[in-house]
Amino acid sequence: MKTNDVILQTTTKVVFFIIFLFSIHIFFAGHYSPGGGFVGGLLTTGAIVLLLLAFDLKTVQKALPFNFTIMTGIGLLLALGTASGSIFFDVPFFTHAFSHFNLPLFGETSLHTAMIFDAGVYLVVVGAAITMIQTIGGDT
């Protein structure tokens, strides 16, 4: 039985986006300072868990209609594909490539293949954690 938690639900709607945007910032800042795919994924998972605490499982599944198992699989493919891609270029495993590009709105920007690896880690962390939480929470 769920009580009417208007204050918690209203606050959660705002705080969710703050945590989610901070997790995206941590994800992108991870190459030059602490952070990256794992920490960003944990923050996103925490934001989704906050939604699950304020609302019920069915409401959150309706609001976020993702198959988190498939998200985990896509993340594994990205991470393993990026890490093993170095084999095709005859360089050591996990060797990443990077270069500097001049992007129209961002100016001089460095792009790394490590970003693709971090995206894979991010998807694996969010997908696996939310799949476990939904599995445990769906049994009640």
C-alpha atoms as a PDB file:
ATOM      1  CA  MET A   1       0.000   0.000   0.000  1.00  0.00           C
ATOM      2  CA  LYS A   2       1.476   3.338  -1.102  1.00  0.00           C
ATOM      3  CA  THR A   3       0.726   6.495   0.838  1.00  0.00           C
ATOM      4  CA  ASN A   4       0.358   9.879  -0.799  1.00  0.00           C
ATOM      5  CA  ASP A   5       3.927  11.230  -0.739  1.00  0.00           C
ATOM      6  CA  VAL A   6       3.414  14.517  -2.561  1.00  0.00           C
ATOM      7  CA  ILE A   7       6.467  16.258  -1.115  1.00  0.00           C
ATOM      8  CA  LEU A   8       8.789  13.297  -1.777  1.00  0.00           C
ATOM      9  CA  GLN A   9       7.485  12.812  -5.319  1.00  0.00           C
ATOM     10  CA  THR A  10       7.692  16.501  -6.214  1.00  0.00           C
ATOM     11  CA  THR A  11      11.200  16.830  -4.800  1.00  0.00           C
ATOM     12  CA  THR A  12      12.294  13.627  -6.547  1.00  0.00           C
ATOM     13  CA  LYS A  13      11.247  14.958  -9.947  1.00  0.00           C
ATOM     14  CA  VAL A  14      13.636  17.897  -9.523  1.00  0.00           C
ATOM     15  CA  VAL A  15      16.474  16.081  -7.775  1.00  0.00           C
ATOM     16  CA  PHE A  16      16.441  13.261 -10.354  1.00  0.00           C
ATOM     17  CA  PHE A  17      17.381  15.656 -13.143  1.00  0.00           C
ATOM     18  CA  ILE A  18      20.039  17.362 -11.030  1.00  0.00           C
ATOM     19  CA  ILE A  19      21.693  14.016 -10.231  1.00  0.00           C
ATOM     20  CA  PHE A  20      21.327  12.825 -13.833  1.00  0.00           C
ATOM     21  CA  LEU A  21      22.890  15.968 -15.294  1.00  0.00           C
ATOM     22  CA  PHE A  22      25.717  15.755 -12.754  1.00  0.00           C
ATOM     23  CA  SER A  23      26.316  12.125 -13.772  1.00  0.00           C
ATOM     24  CA  ILE A  24      26.632  13.222 -17.416  1.00  0.00           C
ATOM     25  CA  HIS A  25      29.109  15.919 -16.334  1.00  0.00           C
ATOM     26  CA  ILE A  26      31.136  13.357 -14.353  1.00  0.00           C
ATOM     27  CA  PHE A  27      31.056  11.014 -17.354  1.00  0.00           C
ATOM     28  CA  PHE A  28      32.513  13.618 -19.725  1.00  0.00           C
ATOM     29  CA  ALA A  29      34.965  15.033 -17.176  1.00  0.00           C
ATOM     30  CA  GLY A  30      36.387  11.579 -16.473  1.00  0.00           C
ATOM     31  CA  HIS A  31      39.270  11.869 -18.926  1.00  0.00           C
ATOM     32  CA  TYR A  32      40.897  14.854 -17.253  1.00  0.00           C
ATOM     33  CA  SER A  33      39.728  14.527 -13.643  1.00  0.00           C
ATOM     34  CA  PRO A  34      38.195  11.788 -11.444  1.00  0.00           C
ATOM     35  CA  GLY A  35      35.057  10.297 -12.890  1.00  0.00           C
ATOM     36  CA  GLY A  36      34.168   8.435 -16.050  1.00  0.00           C
ATOM     37  CA  GLY A  37      31.761   5.716 -17.050  1.00  0.00           C
ATOM     38  CA  PHE A  38      31.676   3.801 -13.784  1.00  0.00           C
ATOM     39  CA  VAL A  39      31.070   6.755 -11.468  1.00  0.00           C
ATOM     40  CA  GLY A  40      28.629   8.347 -13.930  1.00  0.00           C
ATOM     41  CA  GLY A  41      26.751   5.056 -14.160  1.00  0.00           C
ATOM     42  CA  LEU A  42      26.541   4.787 -10.383  1.00  0.00           C
ATOM     43  CA  LEU A  43      25.127   8.312 -10.134  1.00  0.00           C
ATOM     44  CA  THR A  44      22.533   7.571 -12.827  1.00  0.00           C
ATOM     45  CA  THR A  45      21.607   4.360 -11.027  1.00  0.00           C
ATOM     46  CA  GLY A  46      21.235   6.309  -7.804  1.00  0.00           C
ATOM     47  CA  ALA A  47      18.917   8.780  -9.532  1.00  0.00           C
ATOM     48  CA  ILE A  48      16.750   5.938 -10.851  1.00  0.00           C
ATOM     49  CA  VAL A  49      16.696   4.311  -7.400  1.00  0.00           C
ATOM     50  CA  LEU A  50      15.465   7.632  -6.007  1.00  0.00           C
ATOM     51  CA  LEU A  51      12.615   7.465  -8.531  1.00  0.00           C
ATOM     52  CA  LEU A  52      11.867   3.916  -7.404  1.00  0.00           C
ATOM     53  CA  LEU A  53      11.718   5.042  -3.764  1.00  0.00           C
ATOM     54  CA  ALA A  54       9.319   7.885  -4.508  1.00  0.00           C
ATOM     55  CA  PHE A  55       7.134   6.066  -7.032  1.00  0.00           C
ATOM     56  CA  ASP A  56       6.267   2.420  -7.559  1.00  0.00           C
ATOM     57  CA  LEU A  57       8.022   0.064  -9.973  1.00  0.00           C
ATOM     58  CA  LYS A  58       5.283   0.169 -12.618  1.00  0.00           C
ATOM     59  CA  THR A  59       5.323   3.989 -12.762  1.00  0.00           C
ATOM     60  CA  VAL A  60       9.096   4.095 -13.198  1.00  0.00           C
ATOM     61  CA  GLN A  61       8.988   1.366 -15.862  1.00  0.00           C
ATOM     62  CA  LYS A  62       6.376   3.392 -17.727  1.00  0.00           C
ATOM     63  CA  ALA A  63       8.440   6.594 -17.438  1.00  0.00           C
ATOM     64  CA  LEU A  64      11.712   4.850 -18.447  1.00  0.00           C
ATOM     65  CA  PRO A  65      10.657   2.238 -21.026  1.00  0.00           C
ATOM     66  CA  PHE A  66      14.137   0.752 -21.483  1.00  0.00           C
ATOM     67  CA  ASN A  67      15.071  -2.885 -21.468  1.00  0.00           C
ATOM     68  CA  PHE A  68      17.998  -2.647 -19.084  1.00  0.00           C
ATOM     69  CA  THR A  69      19.183  -6.161 -19.983  1.00  0.00           C
ATOM     70  CA  ILE A  70      19.663  -5.103 -23.601  1.00  0.00           C
ATOM     71  CA  MET A  71      21.346  -1.917 -22.339  1.00  0.00           C
ATOM     72  CA  THR A  72      23.849  -4.105 -20.479  1.00  0.00           C
ATOM     73  CA  GLY A  73      24.523  -6.134 -23.621  1.00  0.00           C
ATOM     74  CA  ILE A  74      25.081  -3.030 -25.754  1.00  0.00           C
ATOM     75  CA  GLY A  75      27.446  -1.678 -23.108  1.00  0.00           C
ATOM     76  CA  LEU A  76      29.443  -4.910 -23.093  1.00  0.00           C
ATOM     77  CA  LEU A  77      29.707  -4.828 -26.888  1.00  0.00           C
ATOM     78  CA  LEU A  78      30.926  -1.216 -26.826  1.00  0.00           C
ATOM     79  CA  ALA A  79      33.469  -1.806 -24.072  1.00  0.00           C
ATOM     80  CA  LEU A  80      34.844  -5.067 -25.443  1.00  0.00           C
ATOM     81  CA  GLY A  81      34.762  -3.837 -29.040  1.00  0.00           C
ATOM     82  CA  THR A  82      36.696  -0.710 -28.202  1.00  0.00           C
ATOM     83  CA  ALA A  83      39.224  -2.565 -26.068  1.00  0.00           C
ATOM     84  CA  SER A  84      39.815  -5.296 -28.630  1.00  0.00           C
ATOM     85  CA  GLY A  85      39.816  -2.909 -31.593  1.00  0.00           C
ATOM     86  CA  SER A  86      43.500  -2.330 -30.981  1.00  0.00           C
ATOM     87  CA  ILE A  87      44.203  -5.898 -32.107  1.00  0.00           C
ATOM     88  CA  PHE A  88      43.231  -4.966 -35.678  1.00  0.00           C
ATOM     89  CA  PHE A  89      45.831  -2.171 -35.725  1.00  0.00           C
ATOM     90  CA  ASP A  90      48.642  -4.351 -34.338  1.00  0.00           C
ATOM     91  CA  VAL A  91      49.046  -2.370 -31.121  1.00  0.00           C
ATOM     92  CA  PRO A  92      48.805  -3.635 -27.517  1.00  0.00           C
ATOM     93  CA  PHE A  93      45.385  -4.497 -26.075  1.00  0.00           C
ATOM     94  CA  PHE A  94      43.484  -1.481 -24.705  1.00  0.00           C
ATOM     95  CA  THR A  95      45.518   1.020 -26.725  1.00  0.00           C
ATOM     96  CA  HIS A  96      43.231   3.953 -27.419  1.00  0.00           C
ATOM     97  CA  ALA A  97      43.436   6.465 -30.233  1.00  0.00           C
ATOM     98  CA  PHE A  98      42.813  10.182 -29.905  1.00  0.00           C
ATOM     99  CA  SER A  99      43.074  13.277 -31.999  1.00  0.00           C
ATOM    100  CA  HIS A 100      42.181  16.945 -31.875  1.00  0.00           C
ATOM    101  CA  PHE A 101      39.301  18.247 -33.977  1.00  0.00           C
ATOM    102  CA  ASN A 102      37.819  21.672 -34.550  1.00  0.00           C
ATOM    103  CA  LEU A 103      34.083  21.254 -33.923  1.00  0.00           C
ATOM    104  CA  PRO A 104      31.738  24.111 -34.924  1.00  0.00           C
ATOM    105  CA  LEU A 105      30.208  24.919 -31.517  1.00  0.00           C
ATOM    106  CA  PHE A 106      32.916  23.520 -29.238  1.00  0.00           C
ATOM    107  CA  GLY A 107      36.089  24.747 -30.930  1.00  0.00           C
ATOM    108  CA  GLU A 108      39.293  22.747 -30.489  1.00  0.00           C
ATOM    109  CA  THR A 109      38.239  19.428 -28.955  1.00  0.00           C
ATOM    110  CA  SER A 110      40.087  16.180 -28.337  1.00  0.00           C
ATOM    111  CA  LEU A 111      38.140  13.019 -29.081  1.00  0.00           C
ATOM    112  CA  HIS A 112      39.226   9.665 -27.652  1.00  0.00           C
ATOM    113  CA  THR A 113      38.187   6.094 -28.307  1.00  0.00           C
ATOM    114  CA  ALA A 114      38.340   5.771 -24.511  1.00  0.00           C
ATOM    115  CA  MET A 115      35.084   7.765 -24.491  1.00  0.00           C
ATOM    116  CA  ILE A 116      33.384   4.890 -26.346  1.00  0.00           C
ATOM    117  CA  PHE A 117      34.803   2.449 -23.793  1.00  0.00           C
ATOM    118  CA  ASP A 118      33.506   4.643 -20.949  1.00  0.00           C
ATOM    119  CA  ALA A 119      30.079   4.768 -22.612  1.00  0.00           C
ATOM    120  CA  GLY A 120      30.073   0.976 -22.603  1.00  0.00           C
ATOM    121  CA  VAL A 121      31.018   0.863 -18.922  1.00  0.00           C
ATOM    122  CA  TYR A 122      28.312   3.452 -18.171  1.00  0.00           C
ATOM    123  CA  LEU A 123      25.651   1.351 -19.920  1.00  0.00           C
ATOM    124  CA  VAL A 124      26.806  -1.861 -18.204  1.00  0.00           C
ATOM    125  CA  VAL A 125      26.714  -0.291 -14.737  1.00  0.00           C
ATOM    126  CA  VAL A 126      23.270   1.282 -15.199  1.00  0.00           C
ATOM    127  CA  GLY A 127      21.805  -1.732 -16.994  1.00  0.00           C
ATOM    128  CA  ALA A 128      23.093  -4.379 -14.605  1.00  0.00           C
ATOM    129  CA  ALA A 129      22.276  -2.468 -11.419  1.00  0.00           C
ATOM    130  CA  ILE A 130      18.746  -1.509 -12.468  1.00  0.00           C
ATOM    131  CA  THR A 131      18.067  -5.044 -13.765  1.00  0.00           C
ATOM    132  CA  MET A 132      19.045  -6.441 -10.349  1.00  0.00           C
ATOM    133  CA  ILE A 133      16.976  -3.857  -8.490  1.00  0.00           C
ATOM    134  CA  GLN A 134      13.921  -4.429 -10.705  1.00  0.00           C
ATOM    135  CA  THR A 135      14.265  -8.187 -10.300  1.00  0.00           C
ATOM    136  CA  ILE A 136      14.420  -7.951  -6.536  1.00  0.00           C
ATOM    137  CA  GLY A 137      11.694  -5.278  -6.313  1.00  0.00           C
ATOM    138  CA  GLY A 138       9.344  -7.027  -8.734  1.00  0.00           C
ATOM    139  CA  ASP A 139       8.948 -10.093  -6.504  1.00  0.00           C
ATOM    140  CA  THR A 140       6.698  -8.368  -3.980  1.00  0.00           C
END
